[in-house]
Amino acid sequence: MNETGREEVALLLPEIAAVKQPATLIAPVGAYAPSRHLSVTYQNKTQVIILTKIIERSHHSERLQYSAIHALD
């Protein structure tokens, strides 16, 4: 997932509709690029997502909003 194409660990946070919080991804700083497509594997299932915006950023990580595009499996 980084700029060299290496896989990296990220944390997927699900949507919480009750408080209108979209699904987000917590990843290392530098993961975000507008409309960037990523392959995400969770519980042995891979899907393609598109990053839509930065929710917050710290010195070490970014919390990013995303939308699922399609499953690869």
N, C-alpha and C. Protein backbone atom coordinates (compact mmCIF):
# COMPACT_ATOMS: atom_id res chain seq x y z
N MET A 1 0.80 -1.18 0.00
CA MET A 1 0.00 0.00 0.00
C MET A 1 0.86 1.26 0.00
N ASN A 2 2.14 1.16 0.22
CA ASN A 2 2.96 2.37 0.20
C ASN A 2 3.41 2.71 -1.22
N GLU A 3 4.17 3.78 -1.36
CA GLU A 3 4.54 4.26 -2.70
C GLU A 3 5.43 3.28 -3.47
N THR A 4 6.06 2.32 -2.79
CA THR A 4 6.88 1.32 -3.48
C THR A 4 6.08 0.07 -3.83
N GLY A 5 4.77 0.07 -3.49
CA GLY A 5 3.95 -1.09 -3.79
C GLY A 5 3.99 -2.16 -2.73
N ARG A 6 4.70 -1.91 -1.65
CA ARG A 6 4.79 -2.88 -0.55
C ARG A 6 3.49 -2.92 0.24
N GLU A 7 3.14 -4.10 0.72
CA GLU A 7 1.96 -4.23 1.57
C GLU A 7 2.23 -3.60 2.92
N GLU A 8 1.20 -2.99 3.50
CA GLU A 8 1.31 -2.40 4.83
C GLU A 8 0.07 -2.76 5.62
N VAL A 9 0.20 -2.73 6.93
CA VAL A 9 -0.92 -3.01 7.82
C VAL A 9 -1.71 -1.72 8.04
N ALA A 10 -3.02 -1.85 8.00
CA ALA A 10 -3.92 -0.71 8.26
C ALA A 10 -5.08 -1.23 9.10
N LEU A 11 -5.82 -0.32 9.69
CA LEU A 11 -6.95 -0.68 10.53
C LEU A 11 -8.23 -0.20 9.86
N LEU A 12 -9.15 -1.14 9.59
CA LEU A 12 -10.44 -0.80 8.99
C LEU A 12 -11.46 -0.55 10.10
N LEU A 13 -12.12 0.59 10.05
CA LEU A 13 -13.18 0.90 11.00
C LEU A 13 -14.50 0.92 10.24
N PRO A 14 -15.49 0.16 10.67
CA PRO A 14 -16.75 0.09 9.93
C PRO A 14 -17.57 1.37 10.05
N GLU A 15 -18.52 1.50 9.16
CA GLU A 15 -19.48 2.60 9.24
C GLU A 15 -20.31 2.44 10.50
N ILE A 16 -20.63 3.56 11.15
CA ILE A 16 -21.54 3.56 12.30
C ILE A 16 -22.68 4.50 11.93
N ALA A 17 -23.72 3.92 11.36
CA ALA A 17 -24.84 4.71 10.83
C ALA A 17 -25.54 5.53 11.91
N ALA A 18 -25.63 5.00 13.12
CA ALA A 18 -26.34 5.70 14.20
C ALA A 18 -25.77 7.08 14.50
N VAL A 19 -24.46 7.25 14.31
CA VAL A 19 -23.82 8.55 14.55
C VAL A 19 -23.30 9.17 13.26
N LYS A 20 -23.75 8.61 12.13
CA LYS A 20 -23.39 9.11 10.80
C LYS A 20 -21.88 9.17 10.58
N GLN A 21 -21.18 8.14 11.05
CA GLN A 21 -19.73 8.04 10.85
C GLN A 21 -19.46 7.08 9.69
N PRO A 22 -18.81 7.56 8.64
CA PRO A 22 -18.53 6.68 7.49
C PRO A 22 -17.46 5.64 7.82
N ALA A 23 -17.38 4.62 6.99
CA ALA A 23 -16.30 3.64 7.12
C ALA A 23 -14.97 4.36 6.90
N THR A 24 -13.99 4.04 7.73
CA THR A 24 -12.68 4.69 7.60
C THR A 24 -11.56 3.67 7.69
N LEU A 25 -10.40 4.10 7.29
CA LEU A 25 -9.19 3.30 7.29
C LEU A 25 -8.12 4.11 8.01
N ILE A 26 -7.46 3.51 8.98
CA ILE A 26 -6.33 4.18 9.64
C ILE A 26 -5.06 3.56 9.06
N ALA A 27 -4.24 4.40 8.46
CA ALA A 27 -3.05 3.95 7.73
C ALA A 27 -1.88 4.87 8.04
N PRO A 28 -0.66 4.43 7.70
CA PRO A 28 0.51 5.30 7.91
C PRO A 28 0.39 6.60 7.12
N VAL A 29 1.01 7.64 7.62
CA VAL A 29 1.04 8.93 6.92
C VAL A 29 1.58 8.72 5.50
N GLY A 30 0.95 9.35 4.54
CA GLY A 30 1.38 9.24 3.15
C GLY A 30 0.55 8.26 2.34
N ALA A 31 -0.37 7.55 3.00
CA ALA A 31 -1.20 6.58 2.28
C ALA A 31 -2.21 7.27 1.38
N TYR A 32 -2.64 8.47 1.75
CA TYR A 32 -3.71 9.14 1.00
C TYR A 32 -3.21 9.82 -0.26
N ALA A 33 -3.96 9.61 -1.32
CA ALA A 33 -3.86 10.37 -2.56
C ALA A 33 -5.29 10.44 -3.08
N PRO A 34 -5.72 11.56 -3.63
CA PRO A 34 -7.10 11.67 -4.11
C PRO A 34 -7.46 10.55 -5.09
N SER A 35 -8.59 9.90 -4.84
CA SER A 35 -9.11 8.83 -5.70
C SER A 35 -8.17 7.64 -5.82
N ARG A 36 -7.30 7.43 -4.87
CA ARG A 36 -6.38 6.30 -4.90
C ARG A 36 -7.15 4.99 -4.69
N HIS A 37 -6.85 3.99 -5.51
CA HIS A 37 -7.44 2.67 -5.40
C HIS A 37 -6.49 1.77 -4.63
N LEU A 38 -7.03 1.01 -3.67
CA LEU A 38 -6.24 0.07 -2.89
C LEU A 38 -6.94 -1.27 -2.85
N SER A 39 -6.16 -2.33 -2.74
CA SER A 39 -6.70 -3.66 -2.48
C SER A 39 -6.57 -3.91 -0.99
N VAL A 40 -7.68 -4.27 -0.37
CA VAL A 40 -7.70 -4.51 1.07
C VAL A 40 -8.13 -5.95 1.31
N THR A 41 -7.34 -6.67 2.10
CA THR A 41 -7.67 -8.05 2.43
C THR A 41 -8.03 -8.13 3.91
N TYR A 42 -9.21 -8.70 4.19
CA TYR A 42 -9.71 -8.85 5.54
C TYR A 42 -10.46 -10.17 5.62
N GLN A 43 -10.09 -11.01 6.58
CA GLN A 43 -10.70 -12.33 6.75
C GLN A 43 -10.65 -13.14 5.45
N ASN A 44 -9.48 -13.13 4.81
CA ASN A 44 -9.22 -13.88 3.58
C ASN A 44 -10.08 -13.45 2.39
N LYS A 45 -10.65 -12.26 2.44
CA LYS A 45 -11.41 -11.72 1.32
C LYS A 45 -10.77 -10.40 0.91
N THR A 46 -10.59 -10.23 -0.39
CA THR A 46 -9.97 -9.02 -0.92
C THR A 46 -10.99 -8.19 -1.66
N GLN A 47 -10.94 -6.89 -1.41
CA GLN A 47 -11.81 -5.97 -2.15
C GLN A 47 -11.02 -4.74 -2.53
N VAL A 48 -11.48 -4.07 -3.57
CA VAL A 48 -10.86 -2.83 -4.01
C VAL A 48 -11.65 -1.69 -3.41
N ILE A 49 -10.92 -0.72 -2.84
CA ILE A 49 -11.56 0.47 -2.28
C ILE A 49 -10.96 1.70 -2.95
N ILE A 50 -11.66 2.81 -2.84
CA ILE A 50 -11.15 4.08 -3.33
C ILE A 50 -11.15 5.05 -2.16
N LEU A 51 -10.02 5.72 -1.96
CA LEU A 51 -9.92 6.70 -0.88
C LEU A 51 -10.63 7.97 -1.31
N THR A 52 -11.49 8.50 -0.43
CA THR A 52 -12.30 9.65 -0.82
C THR A 52 -11.90 10.94 -0.11
N LYS A 53 -11.45 10.86 1.15
CA LYS A 53 -10.96 12.08 1.81
C LYS A 53 -10.26 11.75 3.11
N ILE A 54 -9.45 12.70 3.57
CA ILE A 54 -8.77 12.58 4.85
C ILE A 54 -9.70 13.10 5.93
N ILE A 55 -9.94 12.29 6.94
CA ILE A 55 -10.77 12.70 8.07
C ILE A 55 -9.90 13.41 9.10
N GLU A 56 -8.75 12.81 9.43
CA GLU A 56 -7.78 13.45 10.32
C GLU A 56 -6.39 12.88 10.07
N ARG A 57 -5.39 13.65 10.47
CA ARG A 57 -4.00 13.27 10.24
C ARG A 57 -3.19 13.61 11.49
N SER A 58 -2.29 12.69 11.86
CA SER A 58 -1.34 12.96 12.95
C SER A 58 0.07 12.82 12.36
N HIS A 59 1.06 12.83 13.21
CA HIS A 59 2.44 12.68 12.74
C HIS A 59 2.73 11.27 12.24
N HIS A 60 1.93 10.29 12.70
CA HIS A 60 2.21 8.89 12.38
C HIS A 60 1.15 8.19 11.55
N SER A 61 -0.07 8.73 11.54
CA SER A 61 -1.14 8.03 10.82
C SER A 61 -2.17 9.01 10.26
N GLU A 62 -2.98 8.45 9.34
CA GLU A 62 -4.07 9.20 8.73
C GLU A 62 -5.34 8.37 8.88
N ARG A 63 -6.45 9.02 9.15
CA ARG A 63 -7.75 8.34 9.14
C ARG A 63 -8.44 8.79 7.86
N LEU A 64 -8.73 7.83 7.00
CA LEU A 64 -9.20 8.11 5.65
C LEU A 64 -10.59 7.55 5.41
N GLN A 65 -11.42 8.34 4.77
CA GLN A 65 -12.73 7.85 4.35
C GLN A 65 -12.54 7.11 3.03
N TYR A 66 -13.31 6.04 2.83
CA TYR A 66 -13.19 5.27 1.59
C TYR A 66 -14.56 4.73 1.19
N SER A 67 -14.63 4.26 -0.04
CA SER A 67 -15.81 3.57 -0.56
C SER A 67 -15.34 2.26 -1.17
N ALA A 68 -16.10 1.21 -0.93
CA ALA A 68 -15.79 -0.10 -1.55
C ALA A 68 -16.21 -0.04 -3.01
N ILE A 69 -15.37 -0.58 -3.89
CA ILE A 69 -15.69 -0.60 -5.32
C ILE A 69 -16.20 -1.98 -5.71
N HIS A 70 -15.39 -3.02 -5.46
CA HIS A 70 -15.83 -4.38 -5.77
C HIS A 70 -14.91 -5.39 -5.08
N ALA A 71 -15.42 -6.61 -4.94
CA ALA A 71 -14.65 -7.70 -4.35
C ALA A 71 -13.82 -8.38 -5.45
N LEU A 72 -12.63 -8.85 -5.07
CA LEU A 72 -11.77 -9.54 -6.03
C LEU A 72 -11.94 -11.05 -5.95
N ASP A 73 -12.48 -11.54 -4.85
CA ASP A 73 -12.61 -13.00 -4.67
C ASP A 73 -13.90 -13.51 -5.25
